[in-house]
Amino acid sequence: MSTAIDHLKKVTLELRYDDRTEPFEFIFGIASEGLCPFEYLLLHKVAGDQVQLMIPQMEAPRMFAHLYMPLRMAMALYDPPDTIGLAVSVTAVTDAQPREVVRAMAQATEKEGCGGNCGCGCSGH
């Protein structure tokens, strides 16, 4: 029996955007605001499940919430197009270690983006 995506699980995804495929890993359900729409789409999915998304760029921050900047950075999506077409495949769902949960919660509360000089366009500049 496969482990399903649920709160505090470590989720590993494969993101396909344009001609690139990138891995993306996060702890599910740790934001203080609750689940974002993207997380609701993934809830109870198991490894092998897929989701296709076509998201207007203006809706992307709401859709991904605290995961938006990490997702953009993982995909090297520094200048998002008007519509973001994304194929998402669940590759693994595992138990998160307590240290990973704490780190993810701290990152989810960061309101200033990455805070670095990465060129991602976040408000941390």
C-alpha atoms as a PDB file:
ATOM      1  CA  MET A   1       0.000   0.000   0.000  1.00  0.00           C
ATOM      2  CA  SER A   2       1.460   3.353  -1.048  1.00  0.00           C
ATOM      3  CA  THR A   3       1.718   6.245   1.351  1.00  0.00           C
ATOM      4  CA  ALA A   4      -0.656   9.057   0.403  1.00  0.00           C
ATOM      5  CA  ILE A   5       0.137  12.751   0.593  1.00  0.00           C
ATOM      6  CA  ASP A   6      -1.107  14.169   3.874  1.00  0.00           C
ATOM      7  CA  HIS A   7      -0.035  16.604   6.576  1.00  0.00           C
ATOM      8  CA  LEU A   8       3.647  16.604   7.541  1.00  0.00           C
ATOM      9  CA  LYS A   9       4.657  14.134   4.826  1.00  0.00           C
ATOM     10  CA  LYS A  10       7.750  14.814   2.753  1.00  0.00           C
ATOM     11  CA  VAL A  11       6.583  15.038  -0.847  1.00  0.00           C
ATOM     12  CA  THR A  12       8.919  14.644  -3.802  1.00  0.00           C
ATOM     13  CA  LEU A  13       7.622  15.843  -7.144  1.00  0.00           C
ATOM     14  CA  GLU A  14       8.910  15.952 -10.679  1.00  0.00           C
ATOM     15  CA  LEU A  15       7.991  19.248 -12.348  1.00  0.00           C
ATOM     16  CA  ARG A  16       7.893  19.451 -16.126  1.00  0.00           C
ATOM     17  CA  TYR A  17       7.861  22.941 -17.570  1.00  0.00           C
ATOM     18  CA  ASP A  18       8.615  23.652 -21.235  1.00  0.00           C
ATOM     19  CA  ASP A  19      11.398  21.221 -22.108  1.00  0.00           C
ATOM     20  CA  ARG A  20      12.829  20.944 -18.576  1.00  0.00           C
ATOM     21  CA  THR A  21      12.189  18.479 -15.786  1.00  0.00           C
ATOM     22  CA  GLU A  22      13.164  19.436 -12.241  1.00  0.00           C
ATOM     23  CA  PRO A  23      12.761  17.701  -8.876  1.00  0.00           C
ATOM     24  CA  PHE A  24      10.931  19.548  -6.105  1.00  0.00           C
ATOM     25  CA  GLU A  25      10.630  18.467  -2.482  1.00  0.00           C
ATOM     26  CA  PHE A  26       8.590  19.994   0.331  1.00  0.00           C
ATOM     27  CA  ILE A  27       6.831  19.192   3.592  1.00  0.00           C
ATOM     28  CA  PHE A  28       3.089  19.082   3.043  1.00  0.00           C
ATOM     29  CA  GLY A  29       0.696  21.196   5.116  1.00  0.00           C
ATOM     30  CA  ILE A  30       3.080  23.238   7.245  1.00  0.00           C
ATOM     31  CA  ALA A  31       1.981  26.800   6.428  1.00  0.00           C
ATOM     32  CA  SER A  32       0.196  28.641   9.225  1.00  0.00           C
ATOM     33  CA  GLU A  33      -2.439  29.810   6.718  1.00  0.00           C
ATOM     34  CA  GLY A  34      -3.444  26.187   6.042  1.00  0.00           C
ATOM     35  CA  LEU A  35      -3.290  24.287   2.771  1.00  0.00           C
ATOM     36  CA  CYS A  36      -2.833  26.292  -0.402  1.00  0.00           C
ATOM     37  CA  PRO A  37      -4.829  25.397  -3.551  1.00  0.00           C
ATOM     38  CA  PHE A  38      -1.808  23.522  -4.967  1.00  0.00           C
ATOM     39  CA  GLU A  39      -1.614  21.368  -1.828  1.00  0.00           C
ATOM     40  CA  TYR A  40      -5.348  20.646  -2.044  1.00  0.00           C
ATOM     41  CA  LEU A  41      -4.772  19.310  -5.574  1.00  0.00           C
ATOM     42  CA  LEU A  42      -2.090  16.963  -4.226  1.00  0.00           C
ATOM     43  CA  LEU A  43      -3.939  15.823  -1.079  1.00  0.00           C
ATOM     44  CA  HIS A  44      -4.219  11.996  -0.917  1.00  0.00           C
ATOM     45  CA  LYS A  45      -2.228  11.478  -4.141  1.00  0.00           C
ATOM     46  CA  VAL A  46       0.369   8.686  -4.149  1.00  0.00           C
ATOM     47  CA  ALA A  47       3.618   8.080  -6.013  1.00  0.00           C
ATOM     48  CA  GLY A  48       2.856   7.766  -9.715  1.00  0.00           C
ATOM     49  CA  ASP A  49      -0.100  10.175  -9.692  1.00  0.00           C
ATOM     50  CA  GLN A  50       0.054  13.178 -12.006  1.00  0.00           C
ATOM     51  CA  VAL A  51      -1.562  16.612 -12.209  1.00  0.00           C
ATOM     52  CA  GLN A  52      -1.567  18.984 -15.190  1.00  0.00           C
ATOM     53  CA  LEU A  53      -1.828  22.712 -14.439  1.00  0.00           C
ATOM     54  CA  MET A  54      -2.391  25.797 -16.573  1.00  0.00           C
ATOM     55  CA  ILE A  55      -2.169  28.769 -14.235  1.00  0.00           C
ATOM     56  CA  PRO A  56      -2.400  32.431 -15.187  1.00  0.00           C
ATOM     57  CA  GLN A  57       0.747  34.141 -13.906  1.00  0.00           C
ATOM     58  CA  MET A  58      -1.353  36.572 -11.848  1.00  0.00           C
ATOM     59  CA  GLU A  59      -2.957  33.619  -9.991  1.00  0.00           C
ATOM     60  CA  ALA A  60       0.275  31.721  -9.340  1.00  0.00           C
ATOM     61  CA  PRO A  61       1.144  33.415  -5.997  1.00  0.00           C
ATOM     62  CA  ARG A  62      -2.304  32.524  -4.623  1.00  0.00           C
ATOM     63  CA  MET A  63      -2.227  29.009  -6.092  1.00  0.00           C
ATOM     64  CA  PHE A  64       1.177  28.082  -4.640  1.00  0.00           C
ATOM     65  CA  ALA A  65       1.264  30.462  -1.615  1.00  0.00           C
ATOM     66  CA  HIS A  66       4.374  29.711   0.496  1.00  0.00           C
ATOM     67  CA  LEU A  67       5.602  27.267  -2.171  1.00  0.00           C
ATOM     68  CA  TYR A  68       5.590  29.833  -4.981  1.00  0.00           C
ATOM     69  CA  MET A  69       9.119  31.188  -4.601  1.00  0.00           C
ATOM     70  CA  PRO A  70      10.733  27.780  -3.944  1.00  0.00           C
ATOM     71  CA  LEU A  71       8.890  26.402  -6.984  1.00  0.00           C
ATOM     72  CA  ARG A  72      10.018  29.292  -9.182  1.00  0.00           C
ATOM     73  CA  MET A  73      13.584  28.836  -8.019  1.00  0.00           C
ATOM     74  CA  ALA A  74      13.479  25.064  -8.614  1.00  0.00           C
ATOM     75  CA  MET A  75      12.259  25.646 -12.170  1.00  0.00           C
ATOM     76  CA  ALA A  76      14.572  28.631 -12.760  1.00  0.00           C
ATOM     77  CA  LEU A  77      11.410  30.546 -13.637  1.00  0.00           C
ATOM     78  CA  TYR A  78      12.687  34.076 -13.079  1.00  0.00           C
ATOM     79  CA  ASP A  79      10.376  35.728 -15.593  1.00  0.00           C
ATOM     80  CA  PRO A  80       7.089  33.777 -15.549  1.00  0.00           C
ATOM     81  CA  PRO A  81       5.029  33.755 -18.761  1.00  0.00           C
ATOM     82  CA  ASP A  82       1.397  34.919 -18.846  1.00  0.00           C
ATOM     83  CA  THR A  83       0.281  31.312 -18.307  1.00  0.00           C
ATOM     84  CA  ILE A  84       2.349  28.712 -16.513  1.00  0.00           C
ATOM     85  CA  GLY A  85       1.834  25.206 -17.907  1.00  0.00           C
ATOM     86  CA  LEU A  86       3.133  22.660 -15.440  1.00  0.00           C
ATOM     87  CA  ALA A  87       3.030  18.861 -15.396  1.00  0.00           C
ATOM     88  CA  VAL A  88       3.446  17.558 -11.860  1.00  0.00           C
ATOM     89  CA  SER A  89       4.270  13.920 -11.071  1.00  0.00           C
ATOM     90  CA  VAL A  90       4.384  12.578  -7.534  1.00  0.00           C
ATOM     91  CA  THR A  91       7.580  10.531  -7.262  1.00  0.00           C
ATOM     92  CA  ALA A  92       7.674   9.807  -3.508  1.00  0.00           C
ATOM     93  CA  VAL A  93       5.761  10.358  -0.282  1.00  0.00           C
ATOM     94  CA  THR A  94       7.663   9.633   2.930  1.00  0.00           C
ATOM     95  CA  ASP A  95       7.621  10.539   6.604  1.00  0.00           C
ATOM     96  CA  ALA A  96       9.393  13.810   7.324  1.00  0.00           C
ATOM     97  CA  GLN A  97      11.979  13.984  10.072  1.00  0.00           C
ATOM     98  CA  PRO A  98      11.183  16.451  12.895  1.00  0.00           C
ATOM     99  CA  ARG A  99      14.158  18.641  11.928  1.00  0.00           C
ATOM    100  CA  GLU A 100      12.852  18.851   8.333  1.00  0.00           C
ATOM    101  CA  VAL A 101       9.419  19.900   9.577  1.00  0.00           C
ATOM    102  CA  VAL A 102      10.853  22.665  11.764  1.00  0.00           C
ATOM    103  CA  ARG A 103      13.052  23.948   8.926  1.00  0.00           C
ATOM    104  CA  ALA A 104      10.130  23.913   6.473  1.00  0.00           C
ATOM    105  CA  MET A 105       7.880  25.766   8.928  1.00  0.00           C
ATOM    106  CA  ALA A 106      10.510  28.469   9.376  1.00  0.00           C
ATOM    107  CA  GLN A 107      10.906  28.847   5.610  1.00  0.00           C
ATOM    108  CA  ALA A 108       7.131  28.978   5.076  1.00  0.00           C
ATOM    109  CA  THR A 109       6.846  31.961   7.408  1.00  0.00           C
ATOM    110  CA  GLU A 110       9.518  33.906   5.532  1.00  0.00           C
ATOM    111  CA  LYS A 111       7.597  36.733   3.862  1.00  0.00           C
ATOM    112  CA  GLU A 112      10.560  38.291   2.093  1.00  0.00           C
ATOM    113  CA  GLY A 113      11.163  35.622  -0.550  1.00  0.00           C
ATOM    114  CA  CYS A 114      14.608  34.102  -0.761  1.00  0.00           C
ATOM    115  CA  GLY A 115      16.293  37.206   0.583  1.00  0.00           C
ATOM    116  CA  GLY A 116      19.294  36.723  -1.647  1.00  0.00           C
ATOM    117  CA  ASN A 117      20.706  38.076  -4.867  1.00  0.00           C
ATOM    118  CA  CYS A 118      19.468  35.184  -6.996  1.00  0.00           C
ATOM    119  CA  GLY A 119      17.582  37.325  -9.526  1.00  0.00           C
ATOM    120  CA  CYS A 120      14.318  35.530  -8.800  1.00  0.00           C
ATOM    121  CA  GLY A 121      12.342  38.771  -8.546  1.00  0.00           C
ATOM    122  CA  CYS A 122      11.161  38.165  -4.993  1.00  0.00           C
ATOM    123  CA  SER A 123      10.520  40.996  -2.583  1.00  0.00           C
ATOM    124  CA  GLY A 124      13.682  40.150  -0.657  1.00  0.00           C
ATOM    125  CA  HIS A 125      15.701  42.497  -2.889  1.00  0.00           C
END
